[in-house]
C-alpha atoms as a PDB file:
ATOM      1  CA  MET A   1      14.246 297.586 142.902  1.00  0.00           C
ATOM      2  CA  ASN A   2      13.050 300.037 145.490  1.00  0.00           C
ATOM      3  CA  TYR A   3       9.454 300.616 146.562  1.00  0.00           C
ATOM      4  CA  TYR A   4       8.683 302.514 149.735  1.00  0.00           C
ATOM      5  CA  TYR A   5      10.450 300.539 152.490  1.00  0.00           C
ATOM      6  CA  VAL A   6      11.274 297.413 150.496  1.00  0.00           C
ATOM      7  CA  PHE A   7      14.573 297.133 148.631  1.00  0.00           C
ATOM      8  CA  GLY A   8      15.806 294.138 146.684  1.00  0.00           C
ATOM      9  CA  TRP A   9      16.485 292.621 143.289  1.00  0.00           C
ATOM     10  CA  CYS A  10      14.800 290.292 140.829  1.00  0.00           C
ATOM     11  CA  ALA A  11      16.620 287.592 138.884  1.00  0.00           C
ATOM     12  CA  LEU A  12      16.532 287.660 135.063  1.00  0.00           C
ATOM     13  CA  ASP A  13      16.026 284.681 132.791  1.00  0.00           C
ATOM     14  CA  GLU A  14      18.191 283.812 129.768  1.00  0.00           C
ATOM     15  CA  LYS A  15      16.271 286.372 127.668  1.00  0.00           C
ATOM     16  CA  GLY A  16      16.856 289.178 130.150  1.00  0.00           C
ATOM     17  CA  LEU A  17      13.264 289.172 131.422  1.00  0.00           C
ATOM     18  CA  PRO A  18      12.479 289.384 135.163  1.00  0.00           C
ATOM     19  CA  THR A  19      11.332 286.331 137.063  1.00  0.00           C
ATOM     20  CA  PRO A  20       9.101 287.695 139.884  1.00  0.00           C
ATOM     21  CA  ASN A  21       9.073 284.397 141.765  1.00  0.00           C
ATOM     22  CA  ARG A  22      12.796 284.901 142.416  1.00  0.00           C
ATOM     23  CA  PHE A  23      12.584 288.319 144.073  1.00  0.00           C
ATOM     24  CA  GLN A  24      15.233 288.745 146.768  1.00  0.00           C
ATOM     25  CA  GLN A  25      14.492 291.309 149.450  1.00  0.00           C
ATOM     26  CA  ILE A  26      17.556 292.798 151.152  1.00  0.00           C
ATOM     27  CA  PRO A  27      16.785 293.354 154.842  1.00  0.00           C
ATOM     28  CA  PHE A  28      17.729 296.428 156.846  1.00  0.00           C
ATOM     29  CA  ILE A  29      17.881 298.769 153.818  1.00  0.00           C
ATOM     30  CA  GLY A  30      15.215 301.466 154.023  1.00  0.00           C
ATOM     31  CA  ASN A  31      13.577 303.651 151.444  1.00  0.00           C
ATOM     32  CA  PHE A  32      15.710 305.312 148.748  1.00  0.00           C
ATOM     33  CA  TRP A  33      14.572 308.359 146.818  1.00  0.00           C
ATOM     34  CA  ASP A  34      17.347 307.733 144.293  1.00  0.00           C
ATOM     35  CA  TRP A  35      20.067 305.104 144.039  1.00  0.00           C
ATOM     36  CA  THR A  36      22.669 303.436 141.858  1.00  0.00           C
ATOM     37  CA  LEU A  37      24.628 300.181 141.989  1.00  0.00           C
ATOM     38  CA  ALA A  38      28.361 299.602 141.471  1.00  0.00           C
ATOM     39  CA  SER A  39      28.234 295.874 140.722  1.00  0.00           C
ATOM     40  CA  GLU A  40      32.028 295.610 140.520  1.00  0.00           C
ATOM     41  CA  TRP A  41      32.199 296.597 144.188  1.00  0.00           C
ATOM     42  CA  HIS A  42      28.930 294.917 145.289  1.00  0.00           C
ATOM     43  CA  ARG A  43      27.920 298.310 146.678  1.00  0.00           C
ATOM     44  CA  CYS A  44      24.667 300.214 146.544  1.00  0.00           C
ATOM     45  CA  PHE A  45      24.710 304.025 146.796  1.00  0.00           C
ATOM     46  CA  GLY A  46      21.407 305.698 147.623  1.00  0.00           C
ATOM     47  CA  MET A  47      19.700 308.848 148.866  1.00  0.00           C
ATOM     48  CA  PRO A  48      17.336 307.766 151.659  1.00  0.00           C
ATOM     49  CA  GLY A  49      15.930 311.263 152.151  1.00  0.00           C
ATOM     50  CA  GLY A  50      16.849 314.816 151.318  1.00  0.00           C
ATOM     51  CA  MET A  51      20.461 315.223 150.235  1.00  0.00           C
ATOM     52  CA  ASN A  52      21.733 312.496 152.576  1.00  0.00           C
ATOM     53  CA  VAL A  53      23.616 309.511 151.151  1.00  0.00           C
ATOM     54  CA  SER A  54      23.902 305.898 152.337  1.00  0.00           C
ATOM     55  CA  MET A  55      26.384 303.321 151.005  1.00  0.00           C
ATOM     56  CA  TYR A  56      25.777 299.615 151.517  1.00  0.00           C
ATOM     57  CA  GLN A  57      28.148 296.783 150.757  1.00  0.00           C
ATOM     58  CA  LEU A  58      26.208 293.744 149.569  1.00  0.00           C
ATOM     59  CA  ALA A  59      27.128 290.124 150.177  1.00  0.00           C
ATOM     60  CA  THR A  60      28.528 288.254 147.172  1.00  0.00           C
ATOM     61  CA  ASP A  61      25.159 286.616 146.521  1.00  0.00           C
ATOM     62  CA  GLY A  62      23.350 289.953 146.967  1.00  0.00           C
ATOM     63  CA  GLY A  63      21.210 288.503 149.730  1.00  0.00           C
ATOM     64  CA  THR A  64      22.047 290.912 152.530  1.00  0.00           C
ATOM     65  CA  ALA A  65      23.832 294.175 153.340  1.00  0.00           C
ATOM     66  CA  LEU A  66      27.098 293.698 155.237  1.00  0.00           C
ATOM     67  CA  THR A  67      28.227 297.248 156.037  1.00  0.00           C
ATOM     68  CA  CYS A  68      26.833 300.762 155.800  1.00  0.00           C
ATOM     69  CA  GLN A  69      28.320 304.265 155.624  1.00  0.00           C
ATOM     70  CA  ASN A  70      26.266 307.471 155.755  1.00  0.00           C
ATOM     71  CA  ILE A  71      26.727 311.113 154.782  1.00  0.00           C
ATOM     72  CA  ALA A  72      24.479 313.549 156.623  1.00  0.00           C
ATOM     73  CA  ALA A  73      24.183 316.587 154.348  1.00  0.00           C
ATOM     74  CA  GLU A  74      22.564 319.983 154.822  1.00  0.00           C
ATOM     75  CA  ASN A  75      18.890 319.800 153.825  1.00  0.00           C
ATOM     76  CA  GLN A  76      17.717 323.367 154.340  1.00  0.00           C
ATOM     77  CA  GLY A  77      14.744 324.027 152.048  1.00  0.00           C
ATOM     78  CA  TYR A  78      14.344 320.380 151.019  1.00  0.00           C
ATOM     79  CA  ILE A  79      10.821 319.307 150.006  1.00  0.00           C
ATOM     80  CA  ALA A  80      10.203 315.567 149.528  1.00  0.00           C
ATOM     81  CA  GLY A  81       9.526 314.657 145.921  1.00  0.00           C
ATOM     82  CA  HIS A  82      10.826 317.961 144.529  1.00  0.00           C
ATOM     83  CA  VAL A  83      14.260 316.657 143.497  1.00  0.00           C
ATOM     84  CA  PRO A  84      14.528 315.098 140.004  1.00  0.00           C
ATOM     85  CA  ARG A  85      15.767 311.517 140.083  1.00  0.00           C
ATOM     86  CA  ASP A  86      18.726 309.788 138.400  1.00  0.00           C
ATOM     87  CA  ASN A  87      21.228 312.387 139.574  1.00  0.00           C
ATOM     88  CA  ILE A  88      23.580 310.068 141.459  1.00  0.00           C
ATOM     89  CA  GLU A  89      26.383 308.195 139.690  1.00  0.00           C
ATOM     90  CA  VAL A  90      29.460 306.195 140.669  1.00  0.00           C
ATOM     91  CA  SER A  91      32.732 305.767 138.773  1.00  0.00           C
ATOM     92  CA  THR A  92      34.909 302.775 139.613  1.00  0.00           C
ATOM     93  CA  ARG A  93      37.529 304.210 137.241  1.00  0.00           C
ATOM     94  CA  PHE A  94      37.874 307.509 139.128  1.00  0.00           C
ATOM     95  CA  GLN A  95      36.779 306.022 142.479  1.00  0.00           C
ATOM     96  CA  LYS A  96      34.210 308.775 142.952  1.00  0.00           C
ATOM     97  CA  LEU A  97      30.567 309.196 143.934  1.00  0.00           C
ATOM     98  CA  TYR A  98      28.801 312.080 142.154  1.00  0.00           C
ATOM     99  CA  MET A  99      25.535 313.664 143.232  1.00  0.00           C
ATOM    100  CA  LEU A 100      23.682 316.783 142.111  1.00  0.00           C
ATOM    101  CA  ARG A 101      22.732 318.695 145.237  1.00  0.00           C
ATOM    102  CA  TYR A 102      19.584 320.820 145.159  1.00  0.00           C
ATOM    103  CA  TYR A 103      19.605 322.287 148.654  1.00  0.00           C
ATOM    104  CA  PRO A 104      20.652 324.723 149.961  1.00  0.00           C
ATOM    105  CA  LYS A 105      21.863 325.481 146.416  1.00  0.00           C
ATOM    106  CA  ARG A 106      22.582 323.469 143.305  1.00  0.00           C
ATOM    107  CA  GLN A 107      26.088 322.048 143.260  1.00  0.00           C
ATOM    108  CA  LEU A 108      27.886 318.936 142.168  1.00  0.00           C
ATOM    109  CA  MET A 109      29.009 316.962 145.228  1.00  0.00           C
ATOM    110  CA  VAL A 110      31.952 314.610 144.672  1.00  0.00           C
ATOM    111  CA  CYS A 111      32.982 312.020 147.284  1.00  0.00           C
ATOM    112  CA  SER A 112      36.272 310.132 147.078  1.00  0.00           C
ATOM    113  CA  LEU A 113      36.083 306.353 147.428  1.00  0.00           C
ATOM    114  CA  THR A 114      38.612 303.636 148.135  1.00  0.00           C
ATOM    115  CA  ARG A 115      39.520 300.916 145.642  1.00  0.00           C
ATOM    116  CA  ASP A 116      36.646 298.808 146.951  1.00  0.00           C
ATOM    117  CA  GLY A 117      34.114 301.648 147.077  1.00  0.00           C
ATOM    118  CA  ARG A 118      34.260 302.831 150.696  1.00  0.00           C
ATOM    119  CA  LEU A 119      33.880 306.481 151.572  1.00  0.00           C
ATOM    120  CA  THR A 120      37.097 308.305 152.429  1.00  0.00           C
ATOM    121  CA  GLY A 121      37.571 311.967 153.299  1.00  0.00           C
ATOM    122  CA  LEU A 122      35.141 314.868 152.974  1.00  0.00           C
ATOM    123  CA  PRO A 123      33.072 315.747 149.877  1.00  0.00           C
ATOM    124  CA  LYS A 124      34.148 318.437 147.426  1.00  0.00           C
ATOM    125  CA  TYR A 125      31.646 320.811 145.795  1.00  0.00           C
ATOM    126  CA  PHE A 126      31.647 322.282 142.290  1.00  0.00           C
ATOM    127  CA  GLU A 127      29.496 324.958 140.699  1.00  0.00           C
ATOM    128  CA  VAL A 128      27.680 323.728 137.580  1.00  0.00           C
ATOM    129  CA  GLY A 129      25.013 326.434 137.321  1.00  0.00           C
ATOM    130  CA  PRO A 130      21.274 325.961 138.002  1.00  0.00           C
ATOM    131  CA  ALA A 131      21.272 322.427 136.578  1.00  0.00           C
ATOM    132  CA  ARG A 132      18.416 319.998 137.122  1.00  0.00           C
ATOM    133  CA  ALA A 133      20.202 316.877 135.825  1.00  0.00           C
ATOM    134  CA  ILE A 134      23.693 315.447 135.407  1.00  0.00           C
ATOM    135  CA  ARG A 135      24.951 312.608 133.235  1.00  0.00           C
ATOM    136  CA  PHE A 136      28.483 311.257 132.801  1.00  0.00           C
ATOM    137  CA  ASN A 137      30.495 309.635 130.071  1.00  0.00           C
ATOM    138  CA  PHE A 138      33.317 308.242 132.183  1.00  0.00           C
ATOM    139  CA  LYS A 139      34.886 306.529 129.161  1.00  0.00           C
ATOM    140  CA  ALA A 140      35.355 309.923 127.485  1.00  0.00           C
ATOM    141  CA  GLY A 141      35.964 311.770 130.782  1.00  0.00           C
ATOM    142  CA  LEU A 142      32.976 314.110 130.409  1.00  0.00           C
ATOM    143  CA  LEU A 143      30.252 315.515 132.649  1.00  0.00           C
ATOM    144  CA  HIS A 144      27.032 316.818 131.060  1.00  0.00           C
ATOM    145  CA  ALA A 145      24.885 319.189 133.165  1.00  0.00           C
ATOM    146  CA  PHE A 146      21.369 320.093 131.999  1.00  0.00           C
ATOM    147  CA  ALA A 147      18.751 322.747 132.522  1.00  0.00           C
ATOM    148  CA  HIS A 148      15.598 322.937 130.404  1.00  0.00           C
ATOM    149  CA  GLU A 149      17.287 325.625 128.298  1.00  0.00           C
ATOM    150  CA  TRP A 150      20.897 324.411 128.004  1.00  0.00           C
ATOM    151  CA  MET A 151      23.487 321.663 128.291  1.00  0.00           C
ATOM    152  CA  LYS A 152      26.967 322.312 129.688  1.00  0.00           C
ATOM    153  CA  THR A 153      29.796 319.849 129.097  1.00  0.00           C
ATOM    154  CA  PHE A 154      32.725 319.745 131.520  1.00  0.00           C
ATOM    155  CA  ALA A 155      35.980 317.848 131.074  1.00  0.00           C
ATOM    156  CA  LEU A 156      37.057 315.627 133.969  1.00  0.00           C
ATOM    157  CA  ASP A 157      40.664 315.742 135.093  1.00  0.00           C
ATOM    158  CA  ALA A 158      42.832 312.721 135.900  1.00  0.00           C
ATOM    159  CA  ASP A 159      41.225 312.497 139.364  1.00  0.00           C
ATOM    160  CA  GLY A 160      37.656 312.686 138.044  1.00  0.00           C
ATOM    161  CA  TYR A 161      36.936 316.296 139.027  1.00  0.00           C
ATOM    162  CA  PRO A 162      35.360 318.881 136.663  1.00  0.00           C
ATOM    163  CA  THR A 163      37.991 321.219 135.267  1.00  0.00           C
ATOM    164  CA  GLY A 164      38.252 324.188 132.945  1.00  0.00           C
ATOM    165  CA  THR A 165      35.522 326.231 131.278  1.00  0.00           C
ATOM    166  CA  PRO A 166      32.562 324.138 130.080  1.00  0.00           C
ATOM    167  CA  SER A 167      31.161 324.280 126.570  1.00  0.00           C
ATOM    168  CA  GLU A 168      27.487 325.281 126.473  1.00  0.00           C
ATOM    169  CA  GLN A 169      24.770 324.352 123.996  1.00  0.00           C
ATOM    170  CA  SER A 170      21.300 325.887 123.897  1.00  0.00           C
ATOM    171  CA  LEU A 171      18.300 323.562 124.068  1.00  0.00           C
ATOM    172  CA  SER A 172      14.939 324.549 122.549  1.00  0.00           C
ATOM    173  CA  CYS A 173      12.750 321.533 123.167  1.00  0.00           C
ATOM    174  CA  GLY A 174      10.522 322.387 126.130  1.00  0.00           C
ATOM    175  CA  LYS A 175      10.970 320.553 129.409  1.00  0.00           C
ATOM    176  CA  ILE A 176      13.482 317.723 129.736  1.00  0.00           C
ATOM    177  CA  ALA A 177      11.956 314.418 130.877  1.00  0.00           C
ATOM    178  CA  ASP A 178      14.933 312.058 130.647  1.00  0.00           C
ATOM    179  CA  ILE A 179      18.498 311.839 129.352  1.00  0.00           C
ATOM    180  CA  LEU A 180      20.632 308.978 128.058  1.00  0.00           C
ATOM    181  CA  VAL A 181      24.324 309.061 127.166  1.00  0.00           C
ATOM    182  CA  ASP A 182      25.622 306.460 124.700  1.00  0.00           C
ATOM    183  CA  LYS A 183      29.075 305.925 126.143  1.00  0.00           C
ATOM    184  CA  THR A 184      30.300 304.145 122.991  1.00  0.00           C
ATOM    185  CA  SER A 185      29.430 306.848 120.466  1.00  0.00           C
ATOM    186  CA  GLY A 186      29.312 309.781 122.891  1.00  0.00           C
ATOM    187  CA  THR A 187      25.836 310.732 121.656  1.00  0.00           C
ATOM    188  CA  VAL A 188      23.534 312.420 124.181  1.00  0.00           C
ATOM    189  CA  TYR A 189      19.821 311.617 123.817  1.00  0.00           C
ATOM    190  CA  VAL A 190      17.294 313.962 125.437  1.00  0.00           C
ATOM    191  CA  ALA A 191      13.589 313.194 125.872  1.00  0.00           C
ATOM    192  CA  CYS A 192      11.718 316.505 125.646  1.00  0.00           C
ATOM    193  CA  SER A 193       8.157 317.760 125.905  1.00  0.00           C
ATOM    194  CA  GLN A 194       8.336 319.494 122.502  1.00  0.00           C
ATOM    195  CA  PRO A 195      10.082 318.933 119.144  1.00  0.00           C
ATOM    196  CA  PRO A 196      13.392 320.831 118.982  1.00  0.00           C
ATOM    197  CA  THR A 197      13.347 324.193 117.227  1.00  0.00           C
ATOM    198  CA  GLU A 198      16.112 326.279 115.681  1.00  0.00           C
ATOM    199  CA  LYS A 199      17.133 329.464 117.492  1.00  0.00           C
END
């Protein structure tokens, strides 16, 4: 959980419900605008501000951060709070960190990671159009990019990079609020501001 300058986790009981009296704050980790966790690697990947990225390795018990790596990205034109959330994902299969950049222009940023989730090399950038959200189905090797008006689906190559010409589907359902990909069935669920209409 992340709230302003406090980051930590809360234990769950046998029914999957949080137990607030067992909240564990992780010291020395600042505010994240967006973040994701690769539990297999005990690593947290977050955006502490703008398009920058920080990667923390957590101790086995999750009680503290052991190491940190940072990516300082170009933030020209960035306005705090103007970047939609949930646009950072990690694949342990492809050993990649994916992030939708908004500034200075919208691109997919892909960072290569080692077998234990450490940053290695420089990021690569891919054009996905004026998307405002990305979601992955790593099991199927697919990247879905969304605008309010369309969804593009890219295939991922053997290294986890987008390849080929994407398929595009029109969306007529107002503004997109949230997106969920069922990785078992491959179904994409989109929460919209209006009921879908036929074009």
